[in-house]
Amino acid sequence: MKINLKTRKQSHISKVRDHIFYQHMKMTRETKGIDELKGKELNQKVKELQSISRRMKEYQKYLNLLLF
């Protein structure tokens, strides 16, 4: 069985896009209760959100490389 390279690439691109969307949804869910946090809890939550955002940017750069 021969697998078409174009199909494999499209499948991979789709998976990367889905992962970016999942990360976006995760970040949205995480921000819902942020207004109630203070002090160390708030700092920890901000670091988590920054981490998610950073990963989303990295995946977006990777996706742009794939699409060229």
N, C-alpha and C. Protein backbone atom coordinates (compact mmCIF):
# COMPACT_ATOMS: atom_id res chain seq x y z
N MET A 1 0.84 -1.18 0.00
CA MET A 1 0.00 0.00 0.00
C MET A 1 0.88 1.24 0.00
N LYS A 2 0.69 2.06 -1.00
CA LYS A 2 1.49 3.27 -1.13
C LYS A 2 0.70 4.45 -0.58
N ILE A 3 1.34 5.23 0.29
CA ILE A 3 0.69 6.40 0.89
C ILE A 3 1.17 7.64 0.15
N ASN A 4 0.23 8.43 -0.27
CA ASN A 4 0.53 9.65 -1.00
C ASN A 4 1.17 10.67 -0.05
N LEU A 5 2.29 11.26 -0.45
CA LEU A 5 2.98 12.23 0.40
C LEU A 5 2.14 13.48 0.63
N LYS A 6 1.38 13.88 -0.36
CA LYS A 6 0.53 15.06 -0.21
C LYS A 6 -0.53 14.80 0.86
N THR A 7 -1.09 13.62 0.87
CA THR A 7 -2.09 13.25 1.87
C THR A 7 -1.47 13.23 3.27
N ARG A 8 -0.26 12.71 3.38
CA ARG A 8 0.41 12.68 4.68
C ARG A 8 0.67 14.09 5.19
N LYS A 9 1.10 14.97 4.29
CA LYS A 9 1.38 16.35 4.69
C LYS A 9 0.10 17.04 5.13
N GLN A 10 -0.98 16.87 4.38
CA GLN A 10 -2.24 17.48 4.74
C GLN A 10 -2.74 16.96 6.09
N SER A 11 -2.56 15.69 6.32
CA SER A 11 -2.97 15.09 7.59
C SER A 11 -2.16 15.68 8.74
N HIS A 12 -0.86 15.83 8.53
CA HIS A 12 0.00 16.40 9.57
C HIS A 12 -0.37 17.86 9.84
N ILE A 13 -0.61 18.62 8.80
CA ILE A 13 -1.01 20.02 8.95
C ILE A 13 -2.31 20.11 9.73
N SER A 14 -3.23 19.24 9.42
CA SER A 14 -4.51 19.22 10.12
C SER A 14 -4.32 18.92 11.61
N LYS A 15 -3.45 17.99 11.93
CA LYS A 15 -3.18 17.65 13.33
C LYS A 15 -2.53 18.82 14.07
N VAL A 16 -1.61 19.52 13.41
CA VAL A 16 -0.95 20.68 14.04
C VAL A 16 -1.97 21.78 14.28
N ARG A 17 -2.84 22.03 13.32
CA ARG A 17 -3.89 23.05 13.49
C ARG A 17 -4.83 22.69 14.63
N ASP A 18 -5.20 21.42 14.70
CA ASP A 18 -6.07 20.97 15.78
C ASP A 18 -5.40 21.16 17.14
N HIS A 19 -4.10 20.90 17.20
CA HIS A 19 -3.38 21.07 18.46
C HIS A 19 -3.33 22.54 18.87
N ILE A 20 -3.10 23.42 17.91
CA ILE A 20 -3.10 24.86 18.20
C ILE A 20 -4.47 25.28 18.72
N PHE A 21 -5.53 24.78 18.08
CA PHE A 21 -6.88 25.11 18.53
C PHE A 21 -7.14 24.57 19.93
N TYR A 22 -6.67 23.35 20.20
CA TYR A 22 -6.82 22.76 21.54
C TYR A 22 -6.10 23.62 22.59
N GLN A 23 -4.90 24.08 22.27
CA GLN A 23 -4.15 24.93 23.19
C GLN A 23 -4.90 26.24 23.44
N HIS A 24 -5.50 26.79 22.40
CA HIS A 24 -6.27 28.03 22.53
C HIS A 24 -7.47 27.80 23.45
N MET A 25 -8.17 26.70 23.27
CA MET A 25 -9.32 26.38 24.12
C MET A 25 -8.88 26.16 25.57
N LYS A 26 -7.74 25.51 25.75
CA LYS A 26 -7.21 25.27 27.10
C LYS A 26 -6.90 26.61 27.77
N MET A 27 -6.28 27.52 27.04
CA MET A 27 -5.94 28.82 27.60
C MET A 27 -7.21 29.60 27.96
N THR A 28 -8.22 29.49 27.13
CA THR A 28 -9.49 30.17 27.40
C THR A 28 -10.12 29.63 28.68
N ARG A 29 -10.11 28.31 28.85
CA ARG A 29 -10.67 27.71 30.06
C ARG A 29 -9.90 28.12 31.31
N GLU A 30 -8.59 28.23 31.17
CA GLU A 30 -7.73 28.58 32.31
C GLU A 30 -7.96 30.02 32.77
N THR A 31 -8.35 30.90 31.87
CA THR A 31 -8.49 32.32 32.22
C THR A 31 -9.81 32.65 32.89
N LYS A 32 -10.75 31.72 32.90
CA LYS A 32 -12.08 32.03 33.45
C LYS A 32 -12.04 32.42 34.93
N GLY A 33 -11.23 31.79 35.74
CA GLY A 33 -11.22 32.09 37.17
C GLY A 33 -10.06 32.96 37.62
N ILE A 34 -9.37 33.59 36.68
CA ILE A 34 -8.17 34.34 37.02
C ILE A 34 -8.47 35.60 37.82
N ASP A 35 -9.67 36.15 37.70
CA ASP A 35 -10.00 37.38 38.41
C ASP A 35 -10.09 37.17 39.93
N GLU A 36 -10.26 35.93 40.35
CA GLU A 36 -10.38 35.64 41.78
C GLU A 36 -9.04 35.33 42.45
N LEU A 37 -7.98 35.18 41.67
CA LEU A 37 -6.68 34.79 42.21
C LEU A 37 -5.88 36.00 42.66
N LYS A 38 -5.03 35.76 43.67
CA LYS A 38 -4.15 36.81 44.18
C LYS A 38 -2.81 36.20 44.57
N GLY A 39 -1.79 37.02 44.60
CA GLY A 39 -0.48 36.63 45.10
C GLY A 39 0.18 35.52 44.30
N LYS A 40 0.66 34.50 45.01
CA LYS A 40 1.41 33.42 44.39
C LYS A 40 0.57 32.61 43.41
N GLU A 41 -0.70 32.42 43.73
CA GLU A 41 -1.59 31.68 42.83
C GLU A 41 -1.73 32.40 41.49
N LEU A 42 -1.87 33.72 41.55
CA LEU A 42 -1.99 34.51 40.33
C LEU A 42 -0.70 34.44 39.51
N ASN A 43 0.43 34.55 40.17
CA ASN A 43 1.72 34.47 39.47
C ASN A 43 1.89 33.11 38.81
N GLN A 44 1.50 32.05 39.49
CA GLN A 44 1.62 30.71 38.94
C GLN A 44 0.71 30.54 37.72
N LYS A 45 -0.50 31.05 37.81
CA LYS A 45 -1.45 30.96 36.69
C LYS A 45 -0.94 31.76 35.50
N VAL A 46 -0.37 32.93 35.75
CA VAL A 46 0.18 33.76 34.67
C VAL A 46 1.32 33.02 33.97
N LYS A 47 2.18 32.36 34.74
CA LYS A 47 3.27 31.60 34.14
C LYS A 47 2.75 30.45 33.29
N GLU A 48 1.70 29.78 33.75
CA GLU A 48 1.08 28.70 32.96
C GLU A 48 0.54 29.25 31.64
N LEU A 49 -0.15 30.38 31.71
CA LEU A 49 -0.72 30.97 30.51
C LEU A 49 0.36 31.43 29.54
N GLN A 50 1.45 31.97 30.08
CA GLN A 50 2.57 32.38 29.23
C GLN A 50 3.18 31.17 28.54
N SER A 51 3.27 30.06 29.25
CA SER A 51 3.82 28.84 28.68
C SER A 51 2.94 28.34 27.53
N ILE A 52 1.64 28.33 27.74
CA ILE A 52 0.72 27.90 26.70
C ILE A 52 0.83 28.82 25.49
N SER A 53 0.87 30.11 25.73
CA SER A 53 0.98 31.08 24.65
C SER A 53 2.27 30.91 23.86
N ARG A 54 3.36 30.66 24.58
CA ARG A 54 4.66 30.46 23.94
C ARG A 54 4.62 29.22 23.03
N ARG A 55 4.01 28.13 23.53
CA ARG A 55 3.90 26.91 22.73
C ARG A 55 3.03 27.12 21.50
N MET A 56 1.96 27.90 21.66
CA MET A 56 1.10 28.19 20.52
C MET A 56 1.87 28.94 19.44
N LYS A 57 2.69 29.91 19.84
CA LYS A 57 3.50 30.66 18.88
C LYS A 57 4.49 29.74 18.17
N GLU A 58 5.11 28.82 18.91
CA GLU A 58 6.06 27.89 18.31
C GLU A 58 5.37 26.99 17.29
N TYR A 59 4.20 26.48 17.65
CA TYR A 59 3.45 25.64 16.71
C TYR A 59 3.01 26.44 15.49
N GLN A 60 2.65 27.71 15.68
CA GLN A 60 2.24 28.54 14.56
C GLN A 60 3.41 28.76 13.60
N LYS A 61 4.61 28.99 14.15
CA LYS A 61 5.81 29.13 13.30
C LYS A 61 6.06 27.83 12.54
N TYR A 62 5.93 26.70 13.23
CA TYR A 62 6.13 25.40 12.58
C TYR A 62 5.11 25.19 11.46
N LEU A 63 3.87 25.56 11.73
CA LEU A 63 2.82 25.43 10.72
C LEU A 63 3.12 26.29 9.50
N ASN A 64 3.61 27.50 9.73
CA ASN A 64 3.97 28.38 8.61
C ASN A 64 5.09 27.77 7.77
N LEU A 65 6.05 27.11 8.43
CA LEU A 65 7.12 26.44 7.70
C LEU A 65 6.57 25.29 6.84
N LEU A 66 5.62 24.56 7.40
CA LEU A 66 5.03 23.46 6.67
C LEU A 66 4.25 23.93 5.43
N LEU A 67 3.63 25.08 5.57
CA LEU A 67 2.78 25.55 4.48
C LEU A 67 3.56 26.18 3.33
N PHE A 68 4.82 26.49 3.52
CA PHE A 68 5.63 27.04 2.42
C PHE A 68 6.06 25.99 1.48
